[in-house]
Amino acid sequence: MGSTSVPRICRWQLTLSLSPNFGERRDGATPDIIVLHYTAMPDWCAARDWLCNPEAEVSAHYIISEQGDVVQMVAEDQRAWHAGAGSWGDITDVNSRSIGIELNNTGSAPFAAPLMGALERLLPEIMDRWAIQPERVIAHSDLAPGRKIDPGAKFDWSRLVRAGLAISASPKAAIDLNENVFARDLAAVGYGTGADMDVLLSAFRLRHRQGHSGPLDGWDCAIAADLAARFPIAKHGLTS
């Protein structure tokens, strides 16, 4: 399986709790995506223990508690088991191309300020080490529409955008509603094309238009078009 040691590579306090649930990245891949999750568990220690339980067959590279504790469970150069059957662009083995970060939150409450502060310290270091751009910091729900919803509607993406750690759209006005063009633009950004439109729209709004509901509208289309124009996934060669 490769190295089982995790080097202390952060420039700030980091705790180690090694998980046996990992393997080597396939085909010599290196991480170029960061996937954010929530634990869906109130007790972060229980979540950590589950991610380190060999019977669980799941893991992540890091978990961050509500108090801002950062625990590394898998070395960044190894393949953690966090993305499942999801895809991003043409990549179907997201685990081999990503770093997974679990955030302790049930999904029903805002994310704690110490947790968000710790995430803002951790992300730049990972991004610097692997030359990961802000547009490749994504949600679990982005790569698995309909199957996953984390980190969910309570996650403050705008905070990461302000810190230069994620992206957002900035359309000047709504545009004509066109479902086919909307789906094409989502695919250009990285969303899969196999899901129903309602499923894609829900996943898209969890990330880029939180709190909005109802049928597809011109603002959804404008946001998707802006993202596709500025952050096409092909620019980074994200292919399998």
C-alpha atoms as a PDB file:
ATOM      1  CA  MET A   1       0.000   0.000   0.000  1.00  0.00           C
ATOM      2  CA  GLY A   2       2.964   2.331   0.175  1.00  0.00           C
ATOM      3  CA  SER A   3       3.957   4.617   3.011  1.00  0.00           C
ATOM      4  CA  THR A   4       1.976   4.465   6.244  1.00  0.00           C
ATOM      5  CA  SER A   5       3.701   7.465   7.801  1.00  0.00           C
ATOM      6  CA  VAL A   6       2.287  10.958   7.591  1.00  0.00           C
ATOM      7  CA  PRO A   7       4.896  13.725   7.612  1.00  0.00           C
ATOM      8  CA  ARG A   8       4.293  16.876   9.604  1.00  0.00           C
ATOM      9  CA  ILE A   9       4.085  19.132   6.604  1.00  0.00           C
ATOM     10  CA  CYS A  10       1.888  21.928   7.959  1.00  0.00           C
ATOM     11  CA  ARG A  11       3.430  25.028   9.487  1.00  0.00           C
ATOM     12  CA  TRP A  12       0.954  24.990  12.400  1.00  0.00           C
ATOM     13  CA  GLN A  13      -0.438  22.543  14.939  1.00  0.00           C
ATOM     14  CA  LEU A  14      -1.483  19.218  13.434  1.00  0.00           C
ATOM     15  CA  THR A  15      -2.521  15.984  15.110  1.00  0.00           C
ATOM     16  CA  LEU A  16      -2.019  12.568  13.535  1.00  0.00           C
ATOM     17  CA  SER A  17      -4.482   9.680  13.737  1.00  0.00           C
ATOM     18  CA  LEU A  18      -3.517   7.211  11.048  1.00  0.00           C
ATOM     19  CA  SER A  19      -6.231   5.383   9.135  1.00  0.00           C
ATOM     20  CA  PRO A  20      -5.564   1.979   7.551  1.00  0.00           C
ATOM     21  CA  ASN A  21      -8.091   2.836   4.855  1.00  0.00           C
ATOM     22  CA  PHE A  22      -5.950   4.009   1.955  1.00  0.00           C
ATOM     23  CA  GLY A  23      -3.962   2.809  -1.029  1.00  0.00           C
ATOM     24  CA  GLU A  24      -1.634   4.112  -3.687  1.00  0.00           C
ATOM     25  CA  ARG A  25      -2.928   6.650  -6.185  1.00  0.00           C
ATOM     26  CA  ARG A  26      -3.551   4.839  -9.453  1.00  0.00           C
ATOM     27  CA  ASP A  27      -1.504   5.330 -12.607  1.00  0.00           C
ATOM     28  CA  GLY A  28       0.926   7.651 -10.864  1.00  0.00           C
ATOM     29  CA  ALA A  29      -1.744  10.307 -10.319  1.00  0.00           C
ATOM     30  CA  THR A  30      -1.166  13.316  -8.099  1.00  0.00           C
ATOM     31  CA  PRO A  31      -3.921  15.327  -6.410  1.00  0.00           C
ATOM     32  CA  ASP A  32      -5.331  18.253  -8.355  1.00  0.00           C
ATOM     33  CA  ILE A  33      -8.751  18.497  -6.677  1.00  0.00           C
ATOM     34  CA  ILE A  34      -9.791  19.133  -3.071  1.00  0.00           C
ATOM     35  CA  VAL A  35     -13.157  17.720  -1.993  1.00  0.00           C
ATOM     36  CA  LEU A  36     -14.965  19.129   1.047  1.00  0.00           C
ATOM     37  CA  HIS A  37     -17.322  16.909   3.047  1.00  0.00           C
ATOM     38  CA  TYR A  38     -19.274  17.087   6.282  1.00  0.00           C
ATOM     39  CA  THR A  39     -19.230  14.239   8.769  1.00  0.00           C
ATOM     40  CA  ALA A  40     -23.015  14.231   9.416  1.00  0.00           C
ATOM     41  CA  MET A  41     -22.117  13.266  12.992  1.00  0.00           C
ATOM     42  CA  PRO A  42     -22.325  15.467  16.107  1.00  0.00           C
ATOM     43  CA  ASP A  43     -19.269  13.886  17.755  1.00  0.00           C
ATOM     44  CA  TRP A  44     -16.097  14.534  15.795  1.00  0.00           C
ATOM     45  CA  CYS A  45     -14.133  11.936  17.742  1.00  0.00           C
ATOM     46  CA  ALA A  46     -16.652   9.295  16.699  1.00  0.00           C
ATOM     47  CA  ALA A  47     -16.352  10.493  13.101  1.00  0.00           C
ATOM     48  CA  ARG A  48     -12.569  10.280  13.278  1.00  0.00           C
ATOM     49  CA  ASP A  49     -12.748   6.794  14.752  1.00  0.00           C
ATOM     50  CA  TRP A  50     -15.123   5.686  11.986  1.00  0.00           C
ATOM     51  CA  LEU A  51     -12.769   7.006   9.307  1.00  0.00           C
ATOM     52  CA  CYS A  52      -9.967   5.009  10.945  1.00  0.00           C
ATOM     53  CA  ASN A  53     -12.025   1.819  11.308  1.00  0.00           C
ATOM     54  CA  PRO A  54     -10.964  -0.827   8.756  1.00  0.00           C
ATOM     55  CA  GLU A  55     -14.510  -2.205   8.695  1.00  0.00           C
ATOM     56  CA  ALA A  56     -15.833   1.165   7.519  1.00  0.00           C
ATOM     57  CA  GLU A  57     -13.745   1.137   4.325  1.00  0.00           C
ATOM     58  CA  VAL A  58     -13.887   4.938   4.195  1.00  0.00           C
ATOM     59  CA  SER A  59     -11.346   7.607   5.035  1.00  0.00           C
ATOM     60  CA  ALA A  60     -10.221  11.138   4.313  1.00  0.00           C
ATOM     61  CA  HIS A  61      -6.895  12.869   4.420  1.00  0.00           C
ATOM     62  CA  TYR A  62      -8.037  15.295   7.117  1.00  0.00           C
ATOM     63  CA  ILE A  63     -10.843  15.914   9.581  1.00  0.00           C
ATOM     64  CA  ILE A  64     -11.455  19.268  11.283  1.00  0.00           C
ATOM     65  CA  SER A  65     -13.407  19.507  14.539  1.00  0.00           C
ATOM     66  CA  GLU A  66     -15.827  22.277  15.499  1.00  0.00           C
ATOM     67  CA  GLN A  67     -13.125  23.548  17.846  1.00  0.00           C
ATOM     68  CA  GLY A  68     -10.666  23.867  14.964  1.00  0.00           C
ATOM     69  CA  ASP A  69      -8.600  20.761  15.714  1.00  0.00           C
ATOM     70  CA  VAL A  70      -7.028  19.390  12.530  1.00  0.00           C
ATOM     71  CA  VAL A  71      -6.284  15.668  12.366  1.00  0.00           C
ATOM     72  CA  GLN A  72      -4.464  14.093   9.441  1.00  0.00           C
ATOM     73  CA  MET A  73      -5.407  10.466   8.807  1.00  0.00           C
ATOM     74  CA  VAL A  74      -3.890   9.696   5.400  1.00  0.00           C
ATOM     75  CA  ALA A  75      -0.731  11.059   3.769  1.00  0.00           C
ATOM     76  CA  GLU A  76      -1.478  13.465   0.948  1.00  0.00           C
ATOM     77  CA  ASP A  77       0.432  11.380  -1.579  1.00  0.00           C
ATOM     78  CA  GLN A  78      -1.794   8.380  -0.830  1.00  0.00           C
ATOM     79  CA  ARG A  79      -5.322   7.597  -2.063  1.00  0.00           C
ATOM     80  CA  ALA A  80      -7.939   8.043   0.663  1.00  0.00           C
ATOM     81  CA  TRP A  81     -11.416   6.561   0.217  1.00  0.00           C
ATOM     82  CA  HIS A  82     -13.768   9.532   0.399  1.00  0.00           C
ATOM     83  CA  ALA A  83     -15.200  10.287  -3.059  1.00  0.00           C
ATOM     84  CA  GLY A  84     -16.867   6.966  -3.832  1.00  0.00           C
ATOM     85  CA  ALA A  85     -18.434   6.549  -7.247  1.00  0.00           C
ATOM     86  CA  GLY A  86     -18.479  10.243  -8.064  1.00  0.00           C
ATOM     87  CA  SER A  87     -16.942  11.925 -11.100  1.00  0.00           C
ATOM     88  CA  TRP A  88     -15.646  15.357 -12.040  1.00  0.00           C
ATOM     89  CA  GLY A  89     -15.243  16.137 -15.692  1.00  0.00           C
ATOM     90  CA  ASP A  90     -13.946  12.963 -17.301  1.00  0.00           C
ATOM     91  CA  ILE A  91     -12.380  11.767 -14.042  1.00  0.00           C
ATOM     92  CA  THR A  92     -14.151   8.712 -12.658  1.00  0.00           C
ATOM     93  CA  ASP A  93     -11.533   7.813 -10.043  1.00  0.00           C
ATOM     94  CA  VAL A  94     -11.746  11.024  -8.050  1.00  0.00           C
ATOM     95  CA  ASN A  95     -10.025   9.396  -5.079  1.00  0.00           C
ATOM     96  CA  SER A  96      -6.795   9.094  -7.069  1.00  0.00           C
ATOM     97  CA  ARG A  97      -6.890  12.763  -8.046  1.00  0.00           C
ATOM     98  CA  SER A  98      -8.036  14.430  -4.850  1.00  0.00           C
ATOM     99  CA  ILE A  99      -7.460  15.401  -1.234  1.00  0.00           C
ATOM    100  CA  GLY A 100     -10.500  14.769   0.981  1.00  0.00           C
ATOM    101  CA  ILE A 101     -11.305  16.983   3.980  1.00  0.00           C
ATOM    102  CA  GLU A 102     -14.067  16.048   6.430  1.00  0.00           C
ATOM    103  CA  LEU A 103     -15.627  18.931   8.372  1.00  0.00           C
ATOM    104  CA  ASN A 104     -17.394  18.099  11.617  1.00  0.00           C
ATOM    105  CA  ASN A 105     -20.963  19.259  11.080  1.00  0.00           C
ATOM    106  CA  THR A 106     -24.352  17.577  11.058  1.00  0.00           C
ATOM    107  CA  GLY A 107     -25.533  19.533   8.024  1.00  0.00           C
ATOM    108  CA  SER A 108     -28.286  21.322   9.927  1.00  0.00           C
ATOM    109  CA  ALA A 109     -26.310  24.163  11.532  1.00  0.00           C
ATOM    110  CA  PRO A 110     -23.781  26.758  10.384  1.00  0.00           C
ATOM    111  CA  PHE A 111     -20.166  25.640  10.441  1.00  0.00           C
ATOM    112  CA  ALA A 112     -18.330  26.744  13.588  1.00  0.00           C
ATOM    113  CA  ALA A 113     -15.995  29.726  13.269  1.00  0.00           C
ATOM    114  CA  PRO A 114     -12.947  27.855  14.664  1.00  0.00           C
ATOM    115  CA  LEU A 115     -13.525  25.087  12.115  1.00  0.00           C
ATOM    116  CA  MET A 116     -13.720  27.566   9.253  1.00  0.00           C
ATOM    117  CA  GLY A 117     -10.604  29.334  10.489  1.00  0.00           C
ATOM    118  CA  ALA A 118      -8.692  26.060  10.573  1.00  0.00           C
ATOM    119  CA  LEU A 119      -9.910  25.224   7.064  1.00  0.00           C
ATOM    120  CA  GLU A 120      -8.701  28.607   5.838  1.00  0.00           C
ATOM    121  CA  ARG A 121      -5.246  27.802   7.213  1.00  0.00           C
ATOM    122  CA  LEU A 122      -5.134  24.249   5.881  1.00  0.00           C
ATOM    123  CA  LEU A 123      -6.376  24.847   2.346  1.00  0.00           C
ATOM    124  CA  PRO A 124      -3.637  27.249   1.181  1.00  0.00           C
ATOM    125  CA  GLU A 125      -0.915  24.860   2.309  1.00  0.00           C
ATOM    126  CA  ILE A 126      -2.433  21.935   0.421  1.00  0.00           C
ATOM    127  CA  MET A 127      -3.071  24.113  -2.626  1.00  0.00           C
ATOM    128  CA  ASP A 128       0.516  25.389  -2.607  1.00  0.00           C
ATOM    129  CA  ARG A 129       2.010  21.908  -2.254  1.00  0.00           C
ATOM    130  CA  TRP A 130       0.076  20.478  -5.190  1.00  0.00           C
ATOM    131  CA  ALA A 131      -0.525  23.621  -7.305  1.00  0.00           C
ATOM    132  CA  ILE A 132      -4.299  23.276  -6.921  1.00  0.00           C
ATOM    133  CA  GLN A 133      -6.330  26.224  -8.187  1.00  0.00           C
ATOM    134  CA  PRO A 134      -9.393  27.647  -6.355  1.00  0.00           C
ATOM    135  CA  GLU A 135     -11.764  26.334  -9.040  1.00  0.00           C
ATOM    136  CA  ARG A 136     -10.705  22.820  -8.103  1.00  0.00           C
ATOM    137  CA  VAL A 137     -11.867  23.145  -4.500  1.00  0.00           C
ATOM    138  CA  ILE A 138     -15.251  21.450  -4.809  1.00  0.00           C
ATOM    139  CA  ALA A 139     -18.090  19.979  -2.778  1.00  0.00           C
ATOM    140  CA  HIS A 140     -18.833  16.290  -2.414  1.00  0.00           C
ATOM    141  CA  SER A 141     -22.253  17.171  -3.825  1.00  0.00           C
ATOM    142  CA  ASP A 142     -20.599  18.617  -6.945  1.00  0.00           C
ATOM    143  CA  LEU A 143     -19.085  15.286  -7.939  1.00  0.00           C
ATOM    144  CA  ALA A 144     -22.021  13.121  -6.823  1.00  0.00           C
ATOM    145  CA  PRO A 145     -25.248  15.025  -7.651  1.00  0.00           C
ATOM    146  CA  GLY A 146     -28.296  13.439  -6.078  1.00  0.00           C
ATOM    147  CA  ARG A 147     -26.231  10.943  -4.119  1.00  0.00           C
ATOM    148  CA  LYS A 148     -24.459  13.373  -1.797  1.00  0.00           C
ATOM    149  CA  ILE A 149     -25.373  16.826  -0.488  1.00  0.00           C
ATOM    150  CA  ASP A 150     -22.370  17.702   1.653  1.00  0.00           C
ATOM    151  CA  PRO A 151     -20.977  20.030   2.801  1.00  0.00           C
ATOM    152  CA  GLY A 152     -24.520  21.282   2.317  1.00  0.00           C
ATOM    153  CA  ALA A 153     -26.552  24.463   2.355  1.00  0.00           C
ATOM    154  CA  LYS A 154     -25.067  25.740   5.617  1.00  0.00           C
ATOM    155  CA  PHE A 155     -21.480  25.788   4.382  1.00  0.00           C
ATOM    156  CA  ASP A 156     -20.105  29.307   3.846  1.00  0.00           C
ATOM    157  CA  TRP A 157     -18.591  29.136   0.375  1.00  0.00           C
ATOM    158  CA  SER A 158     -18.511  32.930   0.185  1.00  0.00           C
ATOM    159  CA  ARG A 159     -15.956  32.981   3.001  1.00  0.00           C
ATOM    160  CA  LEU A 160     -13.619  30.760   1.004  1.00  0.00           C
ATOM    161  CA  VAL A 161     -14.204  32.896  -2.090  1.00  0.00           C
ATOM    162  CA  ARG A 162     -13.203  36.045  -0.196  1.00  0.00           C
ATOM    163  CA  ALA A 163     -10.021  34.284   0.926  1.00  0.00           C
ATOM    164  CA  GLY A 164      -9.194  33.266  -2.653  1.00  0.00           C
ATOM    165  CA  LEU A 165      -9.718  29.580  -1.841  1.00  0.00           C
ATOM    166  CA  ALA A 166     -12.796  28.876  -3.990  1.00  0.00           C
ATOM    167  CA  ILE A 167     -14.668  30.434  -6.884  1.00  0.00           C
ATOM    168  CA  SER A 168     -18.001  32.116  -7.443  1.00  0.00           C
ATOM    169  CA  ALA A 169     -19.828  33.549 -10.427  1.00  0.00           C
ATOM    170  CA  SER A 170     -20.448  37.239 -11.063  1.00  0.00           C
ATOM    171  CA  PRO A 171     -23.026  37.580 -13.844  1.00  0.00           C
ATOM    172  CA  LYS A 172     -24.360  41.073 -14.436  1.00  0.00           C
ATOM    173  CA  ALA A 173     -27.911  40.009 -15.267  1.00  0.00           C
ATOM    174  CA  ALA A 174     -30.138  37.031 -15.874  1.00  0.00           C
ATOM    175  CA  ILE A 175     -30.075  35.552 -19.368  1.00  0.00           C
ATOM    176  CA  ASP A 176     -32.560  33.615 -21.463  1.00  0.00           C
ATOM    177  CA  LEU A 177     -33.575  30.321 -19.923  1.00  0.00           C
ATOM    178  CA  ASN A 178     -32.264  27.399 -21.943  1.00  0.00           C
ATOM    179  CA  GLU A 179     -32.107  24.008 -20.246  1.00  0.00           C
ATOM    180  CA  ASN A 180     -29.785  22.483 -22.840  1.00  0.00           C
ATOM    181  CA  VAL A 181     -27.310  25.348 -22.640  1.00  0.00           C
ATOM    182  CA  PHE A 182     -27.438  25.232 -18.838  1.00  0.00           C
ATOM    183  CA  ALA A 183     -26.586  21.514 -18.865  1.00  0.00           C
ATOM    184  CA  ARG A 184     -23.792  22.146 -21.376  1.00  0.00           C
ATOM    185  CA  ASP A 185     -22.323  24.880 -19.188  1.00  0.00           C
ATOM    186  CA  LEU A 186     -22.440  22.678 -16.094  1.00  0.00           C
ATOM    187  CA  ALA A 187     -20.612  19.947 -18.004  1.00  0.00           C
ATOM    188  CA  ALA A 188     -17.975  22.485 -19.055  1.00  0.00           C
ATOM    189  CA  VAL A 189     -17.356  23.293 -15.397  1.00  0.00           C
ATOM    190  CA  GLY A 190     -17.133  19.618 -14.393  1.00  0.00           C
ATOM    191  CA  TYR A 191     -20.596  18.405 -13.405  1.00  0.00           C
ATOM    192  CA  GLY A 192     -21.632  15.007 -14.720  1.00  0.00           C
ATOM    193  CA  THR A 193     -24.143  14.769 -17.544  1.00  0.00           C
ATOM    194  CA  GLY A 194     -25.958  11.596 -16.507  1.00  0.00           C
ATOM    195  CA  ALA A 195     -28.188  13.032 -13.778  1.00  0.00           C
ATOM    196  CA  ASP A 196     -31.696  14.407 -14.252  1.00  0.00           C
ATOM    197  CA  MET A 197     -31.987  18.171 -14.613  1.00  0.00           C
ATOM    198  CA  ASP A 198     -33.657  18.584 -11.205  1.00  0.00           C
ATOM    199  CA  VAL A 199     -30.786  16.687  -9.569  1.00  0.00           C
ATOM    200  CA  LEU A 200     -28.143  18.758 -11.352  1.00  0.00           C
ATOM    201  CA  LEU A 201     -29.927  21.995 -10.505  1.00  0.00           C
ATOM    202  CA  SER A 202     -30.122  21.063  -6.831  1.00  0.00           C
ATOM    203  CA  ALA A 203     -26.401  20.217  -6.665  1.00  0.00           C
ATOM    204  CA  PHE A 204     -25.507  23.390  -8.556  1.00  0.00           C
ATOM    205  CA  ARG A 205     -27.540  25.576  -6.208  1.00  0.00           C
ATOM    206  CA  LEU A 206     -26.069  23.939  -3.099  1.00  0.00           C
ATOM    207  CA  ARG A 207     -22.770  25.350  -4.244  1.00  0.00           C
ATOM    208  CA  HIS A 208     -23.483  28.453  -6.310  1.00  0.00           C
ATOM    209  CA  ARG A 209     -26.944  29.699  -5.345  1.00  0.00           C
ATOM    210  CA  GLN A 210     -27.631  28.612  -1.793  1.00  0.00           C
ATOM    211  CA  GLY A 211     -31.138  29.112  -0.460  1.00  0.00           C
ATOM    212  CA  HIS A 212     -32.857  29.293  -3.832  1.00  0.00           C
ATOM    213  CA  SER A 213     -35.531  26.846  -4.946  1.00  0.00           C
ATOM    214  CA  GLY A 214     -38.048  26.435  -7.718  1.00  0.00           C
ATOM    215  CA  PRO A 215     -37.571  25.674 -11.396  1.00  0.00           C
ATOM    216  CA  LEU A 216     -34.526  26.601 -13.438  1.00  0.00           C
ATOM    217  CA  ASP A 217     -34.445  30.332 -14.165  1.00  0.00           C
ATOM    218  CA  GLY A 218     -32.408  32.916 -16.027  1.00  0.00           C
ATOM    219  CA  TRP A 219     -30.123  33.621 -13.082  1.00  0.00           C
ATOM    220  CA  ASP A 220     -29.174  29.953 -12.829  1.00  0.00           C
ATOM    221  CA  CYS A 221     -28.327  30.041 -16.520  1.00  0.00           C
ATOM    222  CA  ALA A 222     -26.322  33.254 -16.137  1.00  0.00           C
ATOM    223  CA  ILE A 223     -24.303  31.873 -13.221  1.00  0.00           C
ATOM    224  CA  ALA A 224     -23.561  28.647 -15.091  1.00  0.00           C
ATOM    225  CA  ALA A 225     -22.569  30.536 -18.243  1.00  0.00           C
ATOM    226  CA  ASP A 226     -20.214  32.792 -16.292  1.00  0.00           C
ATOM    227  CA  LEU A 227     -18.550  29.830 -14.587  1.00  0.00           C
ATOM    228  CA  ALA A 228     -18.173  27.956 -17.878  1.00  0.00           C
ATOM    229  CA  ALA A 229     -16.595  30.975 -19.550  1.00  0.00           C
ATOM    230  CA  ARG A 230     -14.140  31.713 -16.736  1.00  0.00           C
ATOM    231  CA  PHE A 231     -13.386  28.277 -15.287  1.00  0.00           C
ATOM    232  CA  PRO A 232     -13.731  25.581 -17.977  1.00  0.00           C
ATOM    233  CA  ILE A 233     -12.460  22.301 -16.629  1.00  0.00           C
ATOM    234  CA  ALA A 234     -10.636  21.532 -19.883  1.00  0.00           C
ATOM    235  CA  LYS A 235      -8.275  24.424 -19.107  1.00  0.00           C
ATOM    236  CA  HIS A 236      -6.676  22.252 -16.435  1.00  0.00           C
ATOM    237  CA  GLY A 237      -6.611  19.042 -18.433  1.00  0.00           C
ATOM    238  CA  LEU A 238      -8.864  17.275 -15.936  1.00  0.00           C
ATOM    239  CA  THR A 239      -9.326  14.133 -17.926  1.00  0.00           C
ATOM    240  CA  SER A 240      -9.089  10.523 -16.897  1.00  0.00           C
END
